[in-house]
Amino acid sequence: MRKIVELYQRITRKITLLEITREELRMAHLEKLKAESAADYANGIVAYNEARIERLNKRISEYAEEI
């Protein structure tokens, strides 16, 4: 019974400004990590397409010389 009372008190207690600020900071770090992951992925896509464009331009030049 005592554990239930303690749990209820923890759940219903007033949250401090420090706790709110720490949680916001934690969320900011998490969002930053997500954005960095998205940027890494996007940079990979850009690099892939740059190489692809270079390869395709080379092929077009080779095929144009054959004509």
PDB file of N, CA and C in Angstrom:
ATOM      1  N   MET A   1       0.826  -1.190   0.000  1.00  0.00           N
ATOM      2  CA  MET A   1       0.000   0.000   0.000  1.00  0.00           C
ATOM      3  C   MET A   1       0.871   1.255   0.000  1.00  0.00           C
ATOM      4  N   ARG A   2       1.963   1.178   0.738  1.00  0.00           N
ATOM      5  CA  ARG A   2       2.836   2.344   0.840  1.00  0.00           C
ATOM      6  C   ARG A   2       3.437   2.696  -0.523  1.00  0.00           C
ATOM      7  N   LYS A   3       3.786   1.673  -1.311  1.00  0.00           N
ATOM      8  CA  LYS A   3       4.358   1.919  -2.631  1.00  0.00           C
ATOM      9  C   LYS A   3       3.358   2.622  -3.533  1.00  0.00           C
ATOM     10  N   ILE A   4       2.110   2.280  -3.400  1.00  0.00           N
ATOM     11  CA  ILE A   4       1.068   2.930  -4.204  1.00  0.00           C
ATOM     12  C   ILE A   4       0.960   4.401  -3.829  1.00  0.00           C
ATOM     13  N   VAL A   5       1.011   4.682  -2.554  1.00  0.00           N
ATOM     14  CA  VAL A   5       0.946   6.071  -2.083  1.00  0.00           C
ATOM     15  C   VAL A   5       2.159   6.849  -2.586  1.00  0.00           C
ATOM     16  N   GLU A   6       3.335   6.270  -2.514  1.00  0.00           N
ATOM     17  CA  GLU A   6       4.552   6.940  -2.990  1.00  0.00           C
ATOM     18  C   GLU A   6       4.478   7.196  -4.496  1.00  0.00           C
ATOM     19  N   LEU A   7       3.987   6.223  -5.233  1.00  0.00           N
ATOM     20  CA  LEU A   7       3.839   6.387  -6.673  1.00  0.00           C
ATOM     21  C   LEU A   7       2.860   7.516  -6.975  1.00  0.00           C
ATOM     22  N   TYR A   8       1.748   7.541  -6.281  1.00  0.00           N
ATOM     23  CA  TYR A   8       0.752   8.598  -6.471  1.00  0.00           C
ATOM     24  C   TYR A   8       1.364   9.963  -6.168  1.00  0.00           C
ATOM     25  N   GLN A   9       2.129  10.061  -5.093  1.00  0.00           N
ATOM     26  CA  GLN A   9       2.751  11.331  -4.729  1.00  0.00           C
ATOM     27  C   GLN A   9       3.761  11.771  -5.788  1.00  0.00           C
ATOM     28  N   ARG A  10       4.530  10.833  -6.331  1.00  0.00           N
ATOM     29  CA  ARG A  10       5.487  11.163  -7.387  1.00  0.00           C
ATOM     30  C   ARG A  10       4.784  11.659  -8.643  1.00  0.00           C
ATOM     31  N   ILE A  11       3.687  10.996  -8.976  1.00  0.00           N
ATOM     32  CA  ILE A  11       2.957  11.355 -10.190  1.00  0.00           C
ATOM     33  C   ILE A  11       2.269  12.714 -10.059  1.00  0.00           C
ATOM     34  N   THR A  12       1.729  13.004  -8.898  1.00  0.00           N
ATOM     35  CA  THR A  12       0.923  14.219  -8.719  1.00  0.00           C
ATOM     36  C   THR A  12       1.698  15.411  -8.164  1.00  0.00           C
ATOM     37  N   ARG A  13       2.970  15.241  -7.891  1.00  0.00           N
ATOM     38  CA  ARG A  13       3.718  16.367  -7.320  1.00  0.00           C
ATOM     39  C   ARG A  13       3.960  17.449  -8.369  1.00  0.00           C
ATOM     40  N   LYS A  14       4.233  18.634  -7.923  1.00  0.00           N
ATOM     41  CA  LYS A  14       4.483  19.765  -8.799  1.00  0.00           C
ATOM     42  C   LYS A  14       5.899  19.652  -9.386  1.00  0.00           C
ATOM     43  N   ILE A  15       5.993  19.802 -10.681  1.00  0.00           N
ATOM     44  CA  ILE A  15       7.295  19.708 -11.363  1.00  0.00           C
ATOM     45  C   ILE A  15       8.027  21.047 -11.219  1.00  0.00           C
ATOM     46  N   THR A  16       9.321  20.973 -10.907  1.00  0.00           N
ATOM     47  CA  THR A  16      10.097  22.198 -10.705  1.00  0.00           C
ATOM     48  C   THR A  16      10.548  22.776 -12.046  1.00  0.00           C
ATOM     49  N   LEU A  17      10.897  24.052 -12.023  1.00  0.00           N
ATOM     50  CA  LEU A  17      11.420  24.709 -13.226  1.00  0.00           C
ATOM     51  C   LEU A  17      12.713  24.052 -13.692  1.00  0.00           C
ATOM     52  N   LEU A  18      13.523  23.600 -12.761  1.00  0.00           N
ATOM     53  CA  LEU A  18      14.764  22.918 -13.118  1.00  0.00           C
ATOM     54  C   LEU A  18      14.470  21.638 -13.887  1.00  0.00           C
ATOM     55  N   GLU A  19      13.488  20.869 -13.439  1.00  0.00           N
ATOM     56  CA  GLU A  19      13.119  19.635 -14.137  1.00  0.00           C
ATOM     57  C   GLU A  19      12.577  19.926 -15.537  1.00  0.00           C
ATOM     58  N   ILE A  20      11.778  20.961 -15.648  1.00  0.00           N
ATOM     59  CA  ILE A  20      11.236  21.348 -16.955  1.00  0.00           C
ATOM     60  C   ILE A  20      12.365  21.763 -17.887  1.00  0.00           C
ATOM     61  N   THR A  21      13.292  22.548 -17.379  1.00  0.00           N
ATOM     62  CA  THR A  21      14.417  23.021 -18.179  1.00  0.00           C
ATOM     63  C   THR A  21      15.312  21.872 -18.603  1.00  0.00           C
ATOM     64  N   ARG A  22      15.577  20.938 -17.704  1.00  0.00           N
ATOM     65  CA  ARG A  22      16.392  19.766 -18.054  1.00  0.00           C
ATOM     66  C   ARG A  22      15.727  18.925 -19.138  1.00  0.00           C
ATOM     67  N   GLU A  23      14.421  18.760 -19.030  1.00  0.00           N
ATOM     68  CA  GLU A  23      13.689  17.981 -20.033  1.00  0.00           C
ATOM     69  C   GLU A  23      13.731  18.690 -21.396  1.00  0.00           C
ATOM     70  N   GLU A  24      13.584  20.007 -21.385  1.00  0.00           N
ATOM     71  CA  GLU A  24      13.661  20.756 -22.637  1.00  0.00           C
ATOM     72  C   GLU A  24      15.055  20.646 -23.255  1.00  0.00           C
ATOM     73  N   LEU A  25      16.079  20.693 -22.422  1.00  0.00           N
ATOM     74  CA  LEU A  25      17.457  20.533 -22.900  1.00  0.00           C
ATOM     75  C   LEU A  25      17.664  19.140 -23.489  1.00  0.00           C
ATOM     76  N   ARG A  26      17.127  18.132 -22.827  1.00  0.00           N
ATOM     77  CA  ARG A  26      17.218  16.761 -23.336  1.00  0.00           C
ATOM     78  C   ARG A  26      16.540  16.644 -24.695  1.00  0.00           C
ATOM     79  N   MET A  27      15.383  17.255 -24.828  1.00  0.00           N
ATOM     80  CA  MET A  27      14.663  17.222 -26.095  1.00  0.00           C
ATOM     81  C   MET A  27      15.422  17.980 -27.188  1.00  0.00           C
ATOM     82  N   ALA A  28      16.064  19.085 -26.838  1.00  0.00           N
ATOM     83  CA  ALA A  28      16.856  19.837 -27.811  1.00  0.00           C
ATOM     84  C   ALA A  28      18.023  18.991 -28.325  1.00  0.00           C
ATOM     85  N   HIS A  29      18.666  18.259 -27.427  1.00  0.00           N
ATOM     86  CA  HIS A  29      19.758  17.367 -27.840  1.00  0.00           C
ATOM     87  C   HIS A  29      19.236  16.266 -28.768  1.00  0.00           C
ATOM     88  N   LEU A  30      18.096  15.705 -28.435  1.00  0.00           N
ATOM     89  CA  LEU A  30      17.507  14.651 -29.248  1.00  0.00           C
ATOM     90  C   LEU A  30      17.147  15.177 -30.639  1.00  0.00           C
ATOM     91  N   GLU A  31      16.535  16.349 -30.714  1.00  0.00           N
ATOM     92  CA  GLU A  31      16.173  16.928 -32.010  1.00  0.00           C
ATOM     93  C   GLU A  31      17.415  17.253 -32.830  1.00  0.00           C
ATOM     94  N   LYS A  32      18.478  17.699 -32.163  1.00  0.00           N
ATOM     95  CA  LYS A  32      19.741  17.980 -32.857  1.00  0.00           C
ATOM     96  C   LYS A  32      20.311  16.699 -33.464  1.00  0.00           C
ATOM     97  N   LEU A  33      20.295  15.617 -32.694  1.00  0.00           N
ATOM     98  CA  LEU A  33      20.787  14.339 -33.206  1.00  0.00           C
ATOM     99  C   LEU A  33      19.968  13.864 -34.400  1.00  0.00           C
ATOM    100  N   LYS A  34      18.654  14.035 -34.333  1.00  0.00           N
ATOM    101  CA  LYS A  34      17.794  13.654 -35.455  1.00  0.00           C
ATOM    102  C   LYS A  34      18.133  14.485 -36.695  1.00  0.00           C
ATOM    103  N   ALA A  35      18.327  15.776 -36.502  1.00  0.00           N
ATOM    104  CA  ALA A  35      18.655  16.660 -37.627  1.00  0.00           C
ATOM    105  C   ALA A  35      20.015  16.305 -38.217  1.00  0.00           C
ATOM    106  N   GLU A  36      20.973  15.975 -37.368  1.00  0.00           N
ATOM    107  CA  GLU A  36      22.289  15.567 -37.864  1.00  0.00           C
ATOM    108  C   GLU A  36      22.195  14.277 -38.674  1.00  0.00           C
ATOM    109  N   SER A  37      21.386  13.345 -38.206  1.00  0.00           N
ATOM    110  CA  SER A  37      21.192  12.101 -38.952  1.00  0.00           C
ATOM    111  C   SER A  37      20.550  12.375 -40.307  1.00  0.00           C
ATOM    112  N   ALA A  38      19.572  13.239 -40.328  1.00  0.00           N
ATOM    113  CA  ALA A  38      18.913  13.594 -41.586  1.00  0.00           C
ATOM    114  C   ALA A  38      19.895  14.291 -42.526  1.00  0.00           C
ATOM    115  N   ALA A  39      20.756  15.151 -41.981  1.00  0.00           N
ATOM    116  CA  ALA A  39      21.757  15.836 -42.799  1.00  0.00           C
ATOM    117  C   ALA A  39      22.765  14.836 -43.366  1.00  0.00           C
ATOM    118  N   ASP A  40      23.191  13.873 -42.560  1.00  0.00           N
ATOM    119  CA  ASP A  40      24.108  12.837 -43.043  1.00  0.00           C
ATOM    120  C   ASP A  40      23.478  12.061 -44.202  1.00  0.00           C
ATOM    121  N   TYR A  41      22.227  11.713 -44.034  1.00  0.00           N
ATOM    122  CA  TYR A  41      21.517  10.978 -45.077  1.00  0.00           C
ATOM    123  C   TYR A  41      21.417  11.827 -46.345  1.00  0.00           C
ATOM    124  N   ALA A  42      21.029  13.085 -46.193  1.00  0.00           N
ATOM    125  CA  ALA A  42      20.892  13.975 -47.347  1.00  0.00           C
ATOM    126  C   ALA A  42      22.233  14.183 -48.042  1.00  0.00           C
ATOM    127  N   ASN A  43      23.292  14.330 -47.284  1.00  0.00           N
ATOM    128  CA  ASN A  43      24.625  14.487 -47.884  1.00  0.00           C
ATOM    129  C   ASN A  43      25.013  13.245 -48.674  1.00  0.00           C
ATOM    130  N   GLY A  44      24.640  12.081 -48.180  1.00  0.00           N
ATOM    131  CA  GLY A  44      24.899  10.840 -48.905  1.00  0.00           C
ATOM    132  C   GLY A  44      24.141  10.798 -50.223  1.00  0.00           C
ATOM    133  N   ILE A  45      22.907  11.242 -50.211  1.00  0.00           N
ATOM    134  CA  ILE A  45      22.099  11.286 -51.434  1.00  0.00           C
ATOM    135  C   ILE A  45      22.729  12.252 -52.433  1.00  0.00           C
ATOM    136  N   VAL A  46      23.175  13.398 -51.962  1.00  0.00           N
ATOM    137  CA  VAL A  46      23.817  14.388 -52.841  1.00  0.00           C
ATOM    138  C   VAL A  46      25.080  13.801 -53.457  1.00  0.00           C
ATOM    139  N   ALA A  47      25.915  13.170 -52.655  1.00  0.00           N
ATOM    140  CA  ALA A  47      27.156  12.582 -53.165  1.00  0.00           C
ATOM    141  C   ALA A  47      26.851  11.489 -54.185  1.00  0.00           C
ATOM    142  N   TYR A  48      25.866  10.662 -53.905  1.00  0.00           N
ATOM    143  CA  TYR A  48      25.472   9.608 -54.833  1.00  0.00           C
ATOM    144  C   TYR A  48      25.054  10.203 -56.174  1.00  0.00           C
ATOM    145  N   ASN A  49      24.214  11.220 -56.133  1.00  0.00           N
ATOM    146  CA  ASN A  49      23.725  11.812 -57.375  1.00  0.00           C
ATOM    147  C   ASN A  49      24.808  12.599 -58.117  1.00  0.00           C
ATOM    148  N   GLU A  50      25.741  13.189 -57.396  1.00  0.00           N
ATOM    149  CA  GLU A  50      26.865  13.850 -58.068  1.00  0.00           C
ATOM    150  C   GLU A  50      27.690  12.833 -58.847  1.00  0.00           C
ATOM    151  N   ALA A  51      27.978  11.698 -58.231  1.00  0.00           N
ATOM    152  CA  ALA A  51      28.731  10.640 -58.914  1.00  0.00           C
ATOM    153  C   ALA A  51      27.935  10.092 -60.091  1.00  0.00           C
ATOM    154  N   ARG A  52      26.664   9.949 -59.924  1.00  0.00           N
ATOM    155  CA  ARG A  52      25.801   9.444 -60.986  1.00  0.00           C
ATOM    156  C   ARG A  52      25.776  10.403 -62.173  1.00  0.00           C
ATOM    157  N   ILE A  53      25.649  11.698 -61.883  1.00  0.00           N
ATOM    158  CA  ILE A  53      25.648  12.709 -62.939  1.00  0.00           C
ATOM    159  C   ILE A  53      26.967  12.679 -63.701  1.00  0.00           C
ATOM    160  N   GLU A  54      28.066  12.599 -62.968  1.00  0.00           N
ATOM    161  CA  GLU A  54      29.384  12.547 -63.608  1.00  0.00           C
ATOM    162  C   GLU A  54      29.494  11.312 -64.517  1.00  0.00           C
ATOM    163  N   ARG A  55      29.059  10.165 -64.000  1.00  0.00           N
ATOM    164  CA  ARG A  55      29.099   8.932 -64.785  1.00  0.00           C
ATOM    165  C   ARG A  55      28.231   9.038 -66.033  1.00  0.00           C
ATOM    166  N   LEU A  56      27.048   9.559 -65.906  1.00  0.00           N
ATOM    167  CA  LEU A  56      26.137   9.675 -67.045  1.00  0.00           C
ATOM    168  C   LEU A  56      26.640  10.678 -68.081  1.00  0.00           C
ATOM    169  N   ASN A  57      27.209  11.789 -67.616  1.00  0.00           N
ATOM    170  CA  ASN A  57      27.789  12.763 -68.551  1.00  0.00           C
ATOM    171  C   ASN A  57      28.943  12.143 -69.336  1.00  0.00           C
ATOM    172  N   LYS A  58      29.741  11.318 -68.651  1.00  0.00           N
ATOM    173  CA  LYS A  58      30.843  10.638 -69.325  1.00  0.00           C
ATOM    174  C   LYS A  58      30.302   9.695 -70.396  1.00  0.00           C
ATOM    175  N   ARG A  59      29.269   8.937 -70.074  1.00  0.00           N
ATOM    176  CA  ARG A  59      28.669   8.019 -71.039  1.00  0.00           C
ATOM    177  C   ARG A  59      28.106   8.777 -72.246  1.00  0.00           C
ATOM    178  N   ILE A  60      27.454   9.890 -71.987  1.00  0.00           N
ATOM    179  CA  ILE A  60      26.895  10.689 -73.099  1.00  0.00           C
ATOM    180  C   ILE A  60      28.030  11.160 -74.010  1.00  0.00           C
ATOM    181  N   SER A  61      29.131  11.597 -73.413  1.00  0.00           N
ATOM    182  CA  SER A  61      30.281  12.017 -74.223  1.00  0.00           C
ATOM    183  C   SER A  61      30.815  10.854 -75.045  1.00  0.00           C
ATOM    184  N   GLU A  62      30.932   9.686 -74.455  1.00  0.00           N
ATOM    185  CA  GLU A  62      31.416   8.486 -75.183  1.00  0.00           C
ATOM    186  C   GLU A  62      30.463   8.135 -76.316  1.00  0.00           C
ATOM    187  N   TYR A  63      29.171   8.147 -76.063  1.00  0.00           N
ATOM    188  CA  TYR A  63      28.202   7.782 -77.095  1.00  0.00           C
ATOM    189  C   TYR A  63      28.167   8.826 -78.213  1.00  0.00           C
ATOM    190  N   ALA A  64      28.353  10.098 -77.872  1.00  0.00           N
ATOM    191  CA  ALA A  64      28.348  11.159 -78.877  1.00  0.00           C
ATOM    192  C   ALA A  64      29.548  11.027 -79.810  1.00  0.00           C
ATOM    193  N   GLU A  65      30.678  10.555 -79.278  1.00  0.00           N
ATOM    194  CA  GLU A  65      31.874  10.370 -80.107  1.00  0.00           C
ATOM    195  C   GLU A  65      31.687   9.237 -81.100  1.00  0.00           C
ATOM    196  N   GLU A  66      30.858   8.248 -80.754  1.00  0.00           N
ATOM    197  CA  GLU A  66      30.635   7.094 -81.627  1.00  0.00           C
ATOM    198  C   GLU A  66      29.791   7.467 -82.863  1.00  0.00           C
ATOM    199  N   ILE A  67      29.005   8.494 -82.735  1.00  0.00           N
ATOM    200  CA  ILE A  67      28.091   8.867 -83.816  1.00  0.00           C
ATOM    201  C   ILE A  67      28.803   9.615 -84.925  1.00  0.00           C
TER     202      ILE A  67
END
